[in-house]
Amino acid sequence: MRMYIPRDSTCELLLPPHLAEIFPPIPDDLAEIFPQDIIEVLRTRDNRYCVLIKTYIGWKGNFEGTLYCNKPLSEGEIIKGSPDRDWIQIKGQYYPSYYFNHVYVRKSYDDNRRFEVYFDLH
């Protein structure tokens, strides 16, 4: 089963309308996404917002998706791994209770604000 979320209202479902305007536009190909655990929102201690939209969820919680942030991630939040295996660690406002960790980067865009990401527990 698939759920359709209109492109222009995706962020409004998660954030107050005045905050939805600060996010980069969501690509058309993400208009149809899975209804189970597909969207996570993280607010950082310095008042940044990041939205993780999972476009595929597999076995053991593995996923693929897109991560959007309203401001660029710092160098300390993008951890250099082995070749082609960088990952993202963003501490939330309520860290250690909530944070993004080991979200692997396939591709980055927009000055460290948008990323194609995945998680693979193996």
PDB file of N, CA and C in Angstrom:
ATOM      1  N   MET A   1       0.838  -1.172   0.000  1.00  0.00           N
ATOM      2  CA  MET A   1       0.000   0.000   0.000  1.00  0.00           C
ATOM      3  C   MET A   1       0.888   1.242   0.000  1.00  0.00           C
ATOM      4  N   ARG A   2       0.547   2.226  -0.793  1.00  0.00           N
ATOM      5  CA  ARG A   2       1.296   3.469  -0.860  1.00  0.00           C
ATOM      6  C   ARG A   2       0.418   4.623  -0.423  1.00  0.00           C
ATOM      7  N   MET A   3       1.054   5.632   0.117  1.00  0.00           N
ATOM      8  CA  MET A   3       0.322   6.808   0.559  1.00  0.00           C
ATOM      9  C   MET A   3       0.846   8.003  -0.225  1.00  0.00           C
ATOM     10  N   TYR A   4      -0.040   8.827  -0.717  1.00  0.00           N
ATOM     11  CA  TYR A   4       0.361  10.015  -1.464  1.00  0.00           C
ATOM     12  C   TYR A   4       0.354  11.222  -0.551  1.00  0.00           C
ATOM     13  N   ILE A   5       1.472  11.924  -0.501  1.00  0.00           N
ATOM     14  CA  ILE A   5       1.561  13.172   0.242  1.00  0.00           C
ATOM     15  C   ILE A   5       1.853  14.272  -0.769  1.00  0.00           C
ATOM     16  N   PRO A   6       0.987  15.246  -0.948  1.00  0.00           N
ATOM     17  CA  PRO A   6       1.228  16.295  -1.935  1.00  0.00           C
ATOM     18  C   PRO A   6       2.562  16.994  -1.701  1.00  0.00           C
ATOM     19  N   ARG A   7       3.269  17.254  -2.769  1.00  0.00           N
ATOM     20  CA  ARG A   7       4.614  17.825  -2.724  1.00  0.00           C
ATOM     21  C   ARG A   7       4.664  19.129  -1.934  1.00  0.00           C
ATOM     22  N   ASP A   8       3.698  19.981  -2.111  1.00  0.00           N
ATOM     23  CA  ASP A   8       3.756  21.291  -1.473  1.00  0.00           C
ATOM     24  C   ASP A   8       3.321  21.279  -0.016  1.00  0.00           C
ATOM     25  N   SER A   9       2.889  20.148   0.510  1.00  0.00           N
ATOM     26  CA  SER A   9       2.446  20.124   1.897  1.00  0.00           C
ATOM     27  C   SER A   9       3.231  19.140   2.760  1.00  0.00           C
ATOM     28  N   THR A  10       4.241  18.489   2.220  1.00  0.00           N
ATOM     29  CA  THR A  10       4.966  17.489   2.985  1.00  0.00           C
ATOM     30  C   THR A  10       5.556  18.070   4.260  1.00  0.00           C
ATOM     31  N   CYS A  11       6.261  19.177   4.167  1.00  0.00           N
ATOM     32  CA  CYS A  11       6.861  19.768   5.364  1.00  0.00           C
ATOM     33  C   CYS A  11       5.796  20.317   6.296  1.00  0.00           C
ATOM     34  N   GLU A  12       4.696  20.807   5.763  1.00  0.00           N
ATOM     35  CA  GLU A  12       3.635  21.345   6.606  1.00  0.00           C
ATOM     36  C   GLU A  12       3.024  20.265   7.487  1.00  0.00           C
ATOM     37  N   LEU A  13       3.104  18.999   7.054  1.00  0.00           N
ATOM     38  CA  LEU A  13       2.592  17.916   7.875  1.00  0.00           C
ATOM     39  C   LEU A  13       3.459  17.713   9.110  1.00  0.00           C
ATOM     40  N   LEU A  14       4.701  18.140   9.039  1.00  0.00           N
ATOM     41  CA  LEU A  14       5.655  17.895  10.099  1.00  0.00           C
ATOM     42  C   LEU A  14       5.951  19.117  10.945  1.00  0.00           C
ATOM     43  N   LEU A  15       5.907  20.281  10.339  1.00  0.00           N
ATOM     44  CA  LEU A  15       6.346  21.505  10.988  1.00  0.00           C
ATOM     45  C   LEU A  15       5.266  22.573  10.882  1.00  0.00           C
ATOM     46  N   PRO A  16       5.302  23.553  11.745  1.00  0.00           N
ATOM     47  CA  PRO A  16       4.384  24.678  11.571  1.00  0.00           C
ATOM     48  C   PRO A  16       4.615  25.334  10.211  1.00  0.00           C
ATOM     49  N   PRO A  17       3.584  25.894   9.596  1.00  0.00           N
ATOM     50  CA  PRO A  17       3.718  26.463   8.251  1.00  0.00           C
ATOM     51  C   PRO A  17       4.854  27.459   8.101  1.00  0.00           C
ATOM     52  N   HIS A  18       5.122  28.282   9.122  1.00  0.00           N
ATOM     53  CA  HIS A  18       6.191  29.275   8.976  1.00  0.00           C
ATOM     54  C   HIS A  18       7.571  28.612   8.898  1.00  0.00           C
ATOM     55  N   LEU A  19       7.712  27.389   9.410  1.00  0.00           N
ATOM     56  CA  LEU A  19       8.994  26.682   9.306  1.00  0.00           C
ATOM     57  C   LEU A  19       9.101  25.880   8.016  1.00  0.00           C
ATOM     58  N   ALA A  20       7.970  25.472   7.449  1.00  0.00           N
ATOM     59  CA  ALA A  20       7.998  24.683   6.214  1.00  0.00           C
ATOM     60  C   ALA A  20       8.639  25.456   5.071  1.00  0.00           C
ATOM     61  N   GLU A  21       8.575  26.768   5.113  1.00  0.00           N
ATOM     62  CA  GLU A  21       9.118  27.590   4.036  1.00  0.00           C
ATOM     63  C   GLU A  21      10.644  27.610   4.010  1.00  0.00           C
ATOM     64  N   ILE A  22      11.310  27.241   5.088  1.00  0.00           N
ATOM     65  CA  ILE A  22      12.763  27.340   5.135  1.00  0.00           C
ATOM     66  C   ILE A  22      13.469  26.115   4.568  1.00  0.00           C
ATOM     67  N   PHE A  23      12.726  25.062   4.231  1.00  0.00           N
ATOM     68  CA  PHE A  23      13.341  23.860   3.685  1.00  0.00           C
ATOM     69  C   PHE A  23      13.472  23.951   2.177  1.00  0.00           C
ATOM     70  N   PRO A  24      14.511  23.295   1.625  1.00  0.00           N
ATOM     71  CA  PRO A  24      14.621  23.240   0.165  1.00  0.00           C
ATOM     72  C   PRO A  24      13.398  22.522  -0.416  1.00  0.00           C
ATOM     73  N   PRO A  25      13.039  22.798  -1.674  1.00  0.00           N
ATOM     74  CA  PRO A  25      11.893  22.114  -2.283  1.00  0.00           C
ATOM     75  C   PRO A  25      12.103  20.601  -2.322  1.00  0.00           C
ATOM     76  N   ILE A  26      11.042  19.843  -2.104  1.00  0.00           N
ATOM     77  CA  ILE A  26      11.113  18.389  -2.155  1.00  0.00           C
ATOM     78  C   ILE A  26      10.923  17.946  -3.612  1.00  0.00           C
ATOM     79  N   PRO A  27      11.828  17.106  -4.121  1.00  0.00           N
ATOM     80  CA  PRO A  27      11.734  16.680  -5.522  1.00  0.00           C
ATOM     81  C   PRO A  27      10.435  15.946  -5.830  1.00  0.00           C
ATOM     82  N   ASP A  28       9.975  16.077  -7.073  1.00  0.00           N
ATOM     83  CA  ASP A  28       8.728  15.437  -7.487  1.00  0.00           C
ATOM     84  C   ASP A  28       8.753  13.926  -7.298  1.00  0.00           C
ATOM     85  N   ASP A  29       9.933  13.305  -7.471  1.00  0.00           N
ATOM     86  CA  ASP A  29       9.982  11.848  -7.384  1.00  0.00           C
ATOM     87  C   ASP A  29       9.773  11.325  -5.961  1.00  0.00           C
ATOM     88  N   LEU A  30       9.683  12.220  -4.986  1.00  0.00           N
ATOM     89  CA  LEU A  30       9.408  11.796  -3.618  1.00  0.00           C
ATOM     90  C   LEU A  30       7.956  12.029  -3.218  1.00  0.00           C
ATOM     91  N   ALA A  31       7.121  12.382  -4.170  1.00  0.00           N
ATOM     92  CA  ALA A  31       5.719  12.655  -3.861  1.00  0.00           C
ATOM     93  C   ALA A  31       4.992  11.412  -3.364  1.00  0.00           C
ATOM     94  N   GLU A  32       5.364  10.228  -3.873  1.00  0.00           N
ATOM     95  CA  GLU A  32       4.743   8.988  -3.410  1.00  0.00           C
ATOM     96  C   GLU A  32       5.761   8.232  -2.572  1.00  0.00           C
ATOM     97  N   ILE A  33       5.437   8.041  -1.287  1.00  0.00           N
ATOM     98  CA  ILE A  33       6.356   7.363  -0.394  1.00  0.00           C
ATOM     99  C   ILE A  33       5.599   6.399   0.500  1.00  0.00           C
ATOM    100  N   PHE A  34       6.311   5.490   1.122  1.00  0.00           N
ATOM    101  CA  PHE A  34       5.691   4.462   1.941  1.00  0.00           C
ATOM    102  C   PHE A  34       5.132   5.042   3.239  1.00  0.00           C
ATOM    103  N   PRO A  35       4.003   4.488   3.742  1.00  0.00           N
ATOM    104  CA  PRO A  35       3.367   5.056   4.921  1.00  0.00           C
ATOM    105  C   PRO A  35       3.972   4.641   6.257  1.00  0.00           C
ATOM    106  N   GLN A  36       4.849   3.656   6.298  1.00  0.00           N
ATOM    107  CA  GLN A  36       5.350   3.143   7.576  1.00  0.00           C
ATOM    108  C   GLN A  36       6.708   3.744   7.923  1.00  0.00           C
ATOM    109  N   ASP A  37       6.782   4.500   9.001  1.00  0.00           N
ATOM    110  CA  ASP A  37       8.052   5.066   9.481  1.00  0.00           C
ATOM    111  C   ASP A  37       8.822   5.796   8.391  1.00  0.00           C
ATOM    112  N   ILE A  38       8.155   6.594   7.598  1.00  0.00           N
ATOM    113  CA  ILE A  38       8.818   7.191   6.442  1.00  0.00           C
ATOM    114  C   ILE A  38       9.439   8.540   6.712  1.00  0.00           C
ATOM    115  N   ILE A  39       8.980   9.247   7.703  1.00  0.00           N
ATOM    116  CA  ILE A  39       9.462  10.607   7.906  1.00  0.00           C
ATOM    117  C   ILE A  39       9.925  10.777   9.353  1.00  0.00           C
ATOM    118  N   GLU A  40      11.128  11.310   9.517  1.00  0.00           N
ATOM    119  CA  GLU A  40      11.639  11.643  10.841  1.00  0.00           C
ATOM    120  C   GLU A  40      12.120  13.085  10.795  1.00  0.00           C
ATOM    121  N   VAL A  41      11.829  13.828  11.841  1.00  0.00           N
ATOM    122  CA  VAL A  41      12.241  15.230  11.926  1.00  0.00           C
ATOM    123  C   VAL A  41      13.136  15.389  13.145  1.00  0.00           C
ATOM    124  N   LEU A  42      14.247  16.082  12.961  1.00  0.00           N
ATOM    125  CA  LEU A  42      15.190  16.313  14.045  1.00  0.00           C
ATOM    126  C   LEU A  42      15.417  17.808  14.197  1.00  0.00           C
ATOM    127  N   ARG A  43      15.284  18.295  15.424  1.00  0.00           N
ATOM    128  CA  ARG A  43      15.620  19.687  15.729  1.00  0.00           C
ATOM    129  C   ARG A  43      16.909  19.662  16.541  1.00  0.00           C
ATOM    130  N   THR A  44      17.893  20.422  16.112  1.00  0.00           N
ATOM    131  CA  THR A  44      19.181  20.438  16.795  1.00  0.00           C
ATOM    132  C   THR A  44      19.181  21.455  17.928  1.00  0.00           C
ATOM    133  N   ARG A  45      20.193  21.390  18.753  1.00  0.00           N
ATOM    134  CA  ARG A  45      20.300  22.327  19.873  1.00  0.00           C
ATOM    135  C   ARG A  45      20.474  23.759  19.402  1.00  0.00           C
ATOM    136  N   ASP A  46      21.056  23.940  18.198  1.00  0.00           N
ATOM    137  CA  ASP A  46      21.244  25.298  17.670  1.00  0.00           C
ATOM    138  C   ASP A  46      20.102  25.713  16.744  1.00  0.00           C
ATOM    139  N   ASN A  47      18.955  25.039  16.890  1.00  0.00           N
ATOM    140  CA  ASN A  47      17.714  25.416  16.218  1.00  0.00           C
ATOM    141  C   ASN A  47      17.707  25.187  14.716  1.00  0.00           C
ATOM    142  N   ARG A  48      18.426  24.201  14.243  1.00  0.00           N
ATOM    143  CA  ARG A  48      18.315  23.779  12.852  1.00  0.00           C
ATOM    144  C   ARG A  48      17.306  22.632  12.787  1.00  0.00           C
ATOM    145  N   TYR A  49      16.730  22.413  11.607  1.00  0.00           N
ATOM    146  CA  TYR A  49      15.795  21.321  11.405  1.00  0.00           C
ATOM    147  C   TYR A  49      16.279  20.435  10.276  1.00  0.00           C
ATOM    148  N   CYS A  50      16.190  19.124  10.477  1.00  0.00           N
ATOM    149  CA  CYS A  50      16.520  18.159   9.438  1.00  0.00           C
ATOM    150  C   CYS A  50      15.352  17.189   9.304  1.00  0.00           C
ATOM    151  N   VAL A  51      15.005  16.877   8.074  1.00  0.00           N
ATOM    152  CA  VAL A  51      13.908  15.962   7.779  1.00  0.00           C
ATOM    153  C   VAL A  51      14.479  14.800   6.989  1.00  0.00           C
ATOM    154  N   LEU A  52      14.256  13.590   7.470  1.00  0.00           N
ATOM    155  CA  LEU A  52      14.668  12.369   6.780  1.00  0.00           C
ATOM    156  C   LEU A  52      13.428  11.736   6.185  1.00  0.00           C
ATOM    157  N   ILE A  53      13.397  11.635   4.863  1.00  0.00           N
ATOM    158  CA  ILE A  53      12.275  11.002   4.162  1.00  0.00           C
ATOM    159  C   ILE A  53      12.785   9.692   3.591  1.00  0.00           C
ATOM    160  N   LYS A  54      12.238   8.593   4.095  1.00  0.00           N
ATOM    161  CA  LYS A  54      12.661   7.263   3.655  1.00  0.00           C
ATOM    162  C   LYS A  54      11.822   6.854   2.443  1.00  0.00           C
ATOM    163  N   THR A  55      12.500   6.582   1.339  1.00  0.00           N
ATOM    164  CA  THR A  55      11.794   6.182   0.123  1.00  0.00           C
ATOM    165  C   THR A  55      11.724   4.674  -0.024  1.00  0.00           C
ATOM    166  N   TYR A  56      12.545   3.968   0.751  1.00  0.00           N
ATOM    167  CA  TYR A  56      12.522   2.508   0.762  1.00  0.00           C
ATOM    168  C   TYR A  56      12.889   2.051   2.167  1.00  0.00           C
ATOM    169  N   ILE A  57      12.107   1.122   2.721  1.00  0.00           N
ATOM    170  CA  ILE A  57      12.415   0.529   4.013  1.00  0.00           C
ATOM    171  C   ILE A  57      12.480  -0.971   3.820  1.00  0.00           C
ATOM    172  N   GLY A  58      13.603  -1.549   4.202  1.00  0.00           N
ATOM    173  CA  GLY A  58      13.803  -2.978   4.010  1.00  0.00           C
ATOM    174  C   GLY A  58      13.884  -3.732   5.322  1.00  0.00           C
ATOM    175  N   TRP A  59      14.442  -4.915   5.235  1.00  0.00           N
ATOM    176  CA  TRP A  59      14.586  -5.820   6.366  1.00  0.00           C
ATOM    177  C   TRP A  59      15.539  -5.234   7.389  1.00  0.00           C
ATOM    178  N   LYS A  60      15.319  -5.475   8.664  1.00  0.00           N
ATOM    179  CA  LYS A  60      16.144  -5.003   9.785  1.00  0.00           C
ATOM    180  C   LYS A  60      16.166  -3.482   9.909  1.00  0.00           C
ATOM    181  N   GLY A  61      15.210  -2.793   9.305  1.00  0.00           N
ATOM    182  CA  GLY A  61      15.181  -1.335   9.387  1.00  0.00           C
ATOM    183  C   GLY A  61      16.111  -0.640   8.420  1.00  0.00           C
ATOM    184  N   ASN A  62      16.733  -1.398   7.517  1.00  0.00           N
ATOM    185  CA  ASN A  62      17.554  -0.761   6.482  1.00  0.00           C
ATOM    186  C   ASN A  62      16.666   0.154   5.658  1.00  0.00           C
ATOM    187  N   PHE A  63      17.235   1.264   5.180  1.00  0.00           N
ATOM    188  CA  PHE A  63      16.424   2.184   4.391  1.00  0.00           C
ATOM    189  C   PHE A  63      17.279   2.940   3.398  1.00  0.00           C
ATOM    190  N   GLU A  64      16.605   3.551   2.439  1.00  0.00           N
ATOM    191  CA  GLU A  64      17.176   4.528   1.522  1.00  0.00           C
ATOM    192  C   GLU A  64      16.268   5.738   1.577  1.00  0.00           C
ATOM    193  N   GLY A  65      16.834   6.921   1.317  1.00  0.00           N
ATOM    194  CA  GLY A  65      15.987   8.101   1.361  1.00  0.00           C
ATOM    195  C   GLY A  65      16.753   9.373   1.090  1.00  0.00           C
ATOM    196  N   THR A  66      16.132  10.471   1.485  1.00  0.00           N
ATOM    197  CA  THR A  66      16.709  11.797   1.301  1.00  0.00           C
ATOM    198  C   THR A  66      16.663  12.528   2.635  1.00  0.00           C
ATOM    199  N   LEU A  67      17.762  13.188   2.961  1.00  0.00           N
ATOM    200  CA  LEU A  67      17.853  13.989   4.167  1.00  0.00           C
ATOM    201  C   LEU A  67      17.933  15.447   3.754  1.00  0.00           C
ATOM    202  N   TYR A  68      17.033  16.268   4.293  1.00  0.00           N
ATOM    203  CA  TYR A  68      16.999  17.710   4.034  1.00  0.00           C
ATOM    204  C   TYR A  68      17.266  18.448   5.332  1.00  0.00           C
ATOM    205  N   CYS A  69      18.089  19.483   5.286  1.00  0.00           N
ATOM    206  CA  CYS A  69      18.307  20.339   6.445  1.00  0.00           C
ATOM    207  C   CYS A  69      18.121  21.790   6.019  1.00  0.00           C
ATOM    208  N   ASN A  70      17.586  22.608   6.903  1.00  0.00           N
ATOM    209  CA  ASN A  70      17.342  23.998   6.527  1.00  0.00           C
ATOM    210  C   ASN A  70      18.624  24.823   6.514  1.00  0.00           C
ATOM    211  N   LYS A  71      19.681  24.334   7.163  1.00  0.00           N
ATOM    212  CA  LYS A  71      20.992  24.987   7.130  1.00  0.00           C
ATOM    213  C   LYS A  71      22.039  23.900   6.898  1.00  0.00           C
ATOM    214  N   PRO A  72      23.189  24.266   6.335  1.00  0.00           N
ATOM    215  CA  PRO A  72      24.213  23.261   6.047  1.00  0.00           C
ATOM    216  C   PRO A  72      24.677  22.524   7.309  1.00  0.00           C
ATOM    217  N   LEU A  73      25.026  21.247   7.115  1.00  0.00           N
ATOM    218  CA  LEU A  73      25.626  20.480   8.201  1.00  0.00           C
ATOM    219  C   LEU A  73      27.067  20.933   8.376  1.00  0.00           C
ATOM    220  N   SER A  74      27.558  20.840   9.591  1.00  0.00           N
ATOM    221  CA  SER A  74      28.953  21.213   9.858  1.00  0.00           C
ATOM    222  C   SER A  74      29.870  20.050   9.460  1.00  0.00           C
ATOM    223  N   GLU A  75      31.150  20.362   9.350  1.00  0.00           N
ATOM    224  CA  GLU A  75      32.118  19.316   9.005  1.00  0.00           C
ATOM    225  C   GLU A  75      32.114  18.201  10.045  1.00  0.00           C
ATOM    226  N   GLY A  76      31.887  18.529  11.299  1.00  0.00           N
ATOM    227  CA  GLY A  76      31.859  17.528  12.355  1.00  0.00           C
ATOM    228  C   GLY A  76      30.649  16.606  12.308  1.00  0.00           C
ATOM    229  N   GLU A  77      29.634  16.973  11.536  1.00  0.00           N
ATOM    230  CA  GLU A  77      28.438  16.140  11.421  1.00  0.00           C
ATOM    231  C   GLU A  77      28.499  15.202  10.221  1.00  0.00           C
ATOM    232  N   ILE A  78      29.469  15.418   9.345  1.00  0.00           N
ATOM    233  CA  ILE A  78      29.688  14.523   8.201  1.00  0.00           C
ATOM    234  C   ILE A  78      31.005  13.805   8.470  1.00  0.00           C
ATOM    235  N   ILE A  79      30.915  12.553   8.841  1.00  0.00           N
ATOM    236  CA  ILE A  79      32.072  11.779   9.270  1.00  0.00           C
ATOM    237  C   ILE A  79      32.674  11.071   8.050  1.00  0.00           C
ATOM    238  N   LYS A  80      33.965  11.283   7.855  1.00  0.00           N
ATOM    239  CA  LYS A  80      34.654  10.649   6.735  1.00  0.00           C
ATOM    240  C   LYS A  80      34.941   9.199   7.091  1.00  0.00           C
ATOM    241  N   GLY A  81      34.448   8.298   6.260  1.00  0.00           N
ATOM    242  CA  GLY A  81      34.685   6.874   6.465  1.00  0.00           C
ATOM    243  C   GLY A  81      35.623   6.347   5.409  1.00  0.00           C
ATOM    244  N   SER A  82      35.532   5.069   5.154  1.00  0.00           N
ATOM    245  CA  SER A  82      36.322   4.490   4.081  1.00  0.00           C
ATOM    246  C   SER A  82      35.863   5.104   2.767  1.00  0.00           C
ATOM    247  N   PRO A  83      36.622   4.925   1.682  1.00  0.00           N
ATOM    248  CA  PRO A  83      36.209   5.537   0.406  1.00  0.00           C
ATOM    249  C   PRO A  83      34.736   5.240   0.083  1.00  0.00           C
ATOM    250  N   ASP A  84      34.028   6.289  -0.296  1.00  0.00           N
ATOM    251  CA  ASP A  84      32.603   6.189  -0.634  1.00  0.00           C
ATOM    252  C   ASP A  84      31.741   5.679   0.523  1.00  0.00           C
ATOM    253  N   ARG A  85      32.142   5.967   1.732  1.00  0.00           N
ATOM    254  CA  ARG A  85      31.361   5.491   2.878  1.00  0.00           C
ATOM    255  C   ARG A  85      31.307   6.554   3.974  1.00  0.00           C
ATOM    256  N   ASP A  86      31.086   7.806   3.614  1.00  0.00           N
ATOM    257  CA  ASP A  86      30.895   8.859   4.611  1.00  0.00           C
ATOM    258  C   ASP A  86      29.542   8.664   5.276  1.00  0.00           C
ATOM    259  N   TRP A  87      29.424   9.113   6.516  1.00  0.00           N
ATOM    260  CA  TRP A  87      28.149   9.005   7.208  1.00  0.00           C
ATOM    261  C   TRP A  87      27.867  10.259   8.007  1.00  0.00           C
ATOM    262  N   ILE A  88      26.602  10.407   8.359  1.00  0.00           N
ATOM    263  CA  ILE A  88      26.121  11.616   9.030  1.00  0.00           C
ATOM    264  C   ILE A  88      25.754  11.283  10.466  1.00  0.00           C
ATOM    265  N   GLN A  89      26.159  12.171  11.373  1.00  0.00           N
ATOM    266  CA  GLN A  89      25.765  12.082  12.777  1.00  0.00           C
ATOM    267  C   GLN A  89      25.319  13.475  13.202  1.00  0.00           C
ATOM    268  N   ILE A  90      24.033  13.623  13.495  1.00  0.00           N
ATOM    269  CA  ILE A  90      23.479  14.905  13.912  1.00  0.00           C
ATOM    270  C   ILE A  90      22.831  14.719  15.277  1.00  0.00           C
ATOM    271  N   LYS A  91      23.288  15.473  16.255  1.00  0.00           N
ATOM    272  CA  LYS A  91      22.715  15.390  17.595  1.00  0.00           C
ATOM    273  C   LYS A  91      21.483  16.281  17.658  1.00  0.00           C
ATOM    274  N   GLY A  92      20.404  15.711  18.177  1.00  0.00           N
ATOM    275  CA  GLY A  92      19.167  16.462  18.312  1.00  0.00           C
ATOM    276  C   GLY A  92      19.144  17.299  19.572  1.00  0.00           C
ATOM    277  N   GLN A  93      18.123  18.102  19.685  1.00  0.00           N
ATOM    278  CA  GLN A  93      17.941  18.956  20.857  1.00  0.00           C
ATOM    279  C   GLN A  93      17.893  18.121  22.131  1.00  0.00           C
ATOM    280  N   TYR A  94      17.365  16.915  22.041  1.00  0.00           N
ATOM    281  CA  TYR A  94      17.219  16.050  23.207  1.00  0.00           C
ATOM    282  C   TYR A  94      18.229  14.905  23.205  1.00  0.00           C
ATOM    283  N   TYR A  95      19.406  15.145  22.615  1.00  0.00           N
ATOM    284  CA  TYR A  95      20.475  14.143  22.602  1.00  0.00           C
ATOM    285  C   TYR A  95      20.818  13.771  24.041  1.00  0.00           C
ATOM    286  N   PRO A  96      21.054  12.527  24.398  1.00  0.00           N
ATOM    287  CA  PRO A  96      21.206  11.357  23.553  1.00  0.00           C
ATOM    288  C   PRO A  96      19.916  10.605  23.260  1.00  0.00           C
ATOM    289  N   SER A  97      18.784  11.141  23.679  1.00  0.00           N
ATOM    290  CA  SER A  97      17.529  10.436  23.426  1.00  0.00           C
ATOM    291  C   SER A  97      17.173  10.366  21.947  1.00  0.00           C
ATOM    292  N   TYR A  98      17.532  11.391  21.184  1.00  0.00           N
ATOM    293  CA  TYR A  98      17.160  11.390  19.774  1.00  0.00           C
ATOM    294  C   TYR A  98      18.242  12.057  18.942  1.00  0.00           C
ATOM    295  N   TYR A  99      18.707  11.343  17.936  1.00  0.00           N
ATOM    296  CA  TYR A  99      19.720  11.858  17.017  1.00  0.00           C
ATOM    297  C   TYR A  99      19.755  10.991  15.770  1.00  0.00           C
ATOM    298  N   PHE A 100      20.362  11.488  14.708  1.00  0.00           N
ATOM    299  CA  PHE A 100      20.603  10.702  13.511  1.00  0.00           C
ATOM    300  C   PHE A 100      22.045  10.232  13.584  1.00  0.00           C
ATOM    301  N   ASN A 101      22.276   8.931  13.411  1.00  0.00           N
ATOM    302  CA  ASN A 101      23.616   8.382  13.516  1.00  0.00           C
ATOM    303  C   ASN A 101      23.801   7.285  12.482  1.00  0.00           C
ATOM    304  N   HIS A 102      24.962   7.225  11.900  1.00  0.00           N
ATOM    305  CA  HIS A 102      25.298   6.231  10.881  1.00  0.00           C
ATOM    306  C   HIS A 102      24.295   6.232   9.727  1.00  0.00           C
ATOM    307  N   VAL A 103      23.898   7.414   9.319  1.00  0.00           N
ATOM    308  CA  VAL A 103      23.106   7.576   8.104  1.00  0.00           C
ATOM    309  C   VAL A 103      24.137   7.791   6.992  1.00  0.00           C
ATOM    310  N   TYR A 104      24.307   6.793   6.152  1.00  0.00           N
ATOM    311  CA  TYR A 104      25.372   6.819   5.146  1.00  0.00           C
ATOM    312  C   TYR A 104      24.997   7.678   3.952  1.00  0.00           C
ATOM    313  N   VAL A 105      25.987   8.348   3.385  1.00  0.00           N
ATOM    314  CA  VAL A 105      25.779   9.301   2.295  1.00  0.00           C
ATOM    315  C   VAL A 105      26.086   8.648   0.954  1.00  0.00           C
ATOM    316  N   ARG A 106      25.101   8.648   0.044  1.00  0.00           N
ATOM    317  CA  ARG A 106      25.345   8.239  -1.345  1.00  0.00           C
ATOM    318  C   ARG A 106      25.791   9.436  -2.181  1.00  0.00           C
ATOM    319  N   LYS A 107      25.127  10.577  -1.936  1.00  0.00           N
ATOM    320  CA  LYS A 107      25.395  11.774  -2.727  1.00  0.00           C
ATOM    321  C   LYS A 107      24.970  12.995  -1.915  1.00  0.00           C
ATOM    322  N   SER A 108      25.719  14.094  -2.047  1.00  0.00           N
ATOM    323  CA  SER A 108      25.323  15.317  -1.356  1.00  0.00           C
ATOM    324  C   SER A 108      25.059  16.424  -2.369  1.00  0.00           C
ATOM    325  N   TYR A 109      24.187  17.360  -1.997  1.00  0.00           N
ATOM    326  CA  TYR A 109      23.770  18.474  -2.840  1.00  0.00           C
ATOM    327  C   TYR A 109      23.735  19.744  -1.995  1.00  0.00           C
ATOM    328  N   ASP A 110      23.513  20.861  -2.648  1.00  0.00           N
ATOM    329  CA  ASP A 110      23.119  22.115  -1.993  1.00  0.00           C
ATOM    330  C   ASP A 110      23.969  22.508  -0.787  1.00  0.00           C
ATOM    331  N   ASP A 111      25.254  22.507  -0.927  1.00  0.00           N
ATOM    332  CA  ASP A 111      26.114  22.979   0.166  1.00  0.00           C
ATOM    333  C   ASP A 111      25.826  22.292   1.495  1.00  0.00           C
ATOM    334  N   ASN A 112      25.794  20.975   1.473  1.00  0.00           N
ATOM    335  CA  ASN A 112      25.576  20.163   2.684  1.00  0.00           C
ATOM    336  C   ASN A 112      24.214  20.379   3.330  1.00  0.00           C
ATOM    337  N   ARG A 113      23.185  20.595   2.501  1.00  0.00           N
ATOM    338  CA  ARG A 113      21.817  20.722   3.013  1.00  0.00           C
ATOM    339  C   ARG A 113      20.918  19.574   2.573  1.00  0.00           C
ATOM    340  N   ARG A 114      21.253  18.907   1.472  1.00  0.00           N
ATOM    341  CA  ARG A 114      20.427  17.799   0.971  1.00  0.00           C
ATOM    342  C   ARG A 114      21.345  16.643   0.610  1.00  0.00           C
ATOM    343  N   PHE A 115      20.912  15.432   0.997  1.00  0.00           N
ATOM    344  CA  PHE A 115      21.726  14.245   0.793  1.00  0.00           C
ATOM    345  C   PHE A 115      20.854  13.077   0.367  1.00  0.00           C
ATOM    346  N   GLU A 116      21.372  12.233  -0.522  1.00  0.00           N
ATOM    347  CA  GLU A 116      20.805  10.917  -0.747  1.00  0.00           C
ATOM    348  C   GLU A 116      21.486  10.028   0.263  1.00  0.00           C
ATOM    349  N   VAL A 117      20.697   9.314   1.085  1.00  0.00           N
ATOM    350  CA  VAL A 117      21.263   8.563   2.199  1.00  0.00           C
ATOM    351  C   VAL A 117      20.714   7.142   2.244  1.00  0.00           C
ATOM    352  N   TYR A 118      21.382   6.323   3.059  1.00  0.00           N
ATOM    353  CA  TYR A 118      20.917   4.965   3.297  1.00  0.00           C
ATOM    354  C   TYR A 118      21.429   4.499   4.654  1.00  0.00           C
ATOM    355  N   PHE A 119      20.796   3.457   5.173  1.00  0.00           N
ATOM    356  CA  PHE A 119      21.245   2.789   6.380  1.00  0.00           C
ATOM    357  C   PHE A 119      21.248   1.300   6.084  1.00  0.00           C
ATOM    358  N   ASP A 120      22.343   0.629   6.419  1.00  0.00           N
ATOM    359  CA  ASP A 120      22.460  -0.798   6.131  1.00  0.00           C
ATOM    360  C   ASP A 120      23.028  -1.496   7.347  1.00  0.00           C
ATOM    361  N   LEU A 121      22.184  -2.272   8.011  1.00  0.00           N
ATOM    362  CA  LEU A 121      22.595  -3.009   9.196  1.00  0.00           C
ATOM    363  C   LEU A 121      23.325  -4.289   8.814  1.00  0.00           C
ATOM    364  N   HIS A 122      23.377  -4.619   7.566  1.00  0.00           N
ATOM    365  CA  HIS A 122      24.014  -5.808   6.985  1.00  0.00           C
ATOM    366  C   HIS A 122      23.160  -7.028   7.127  1.00  0.00           C
TER     367      HIS A 122
END
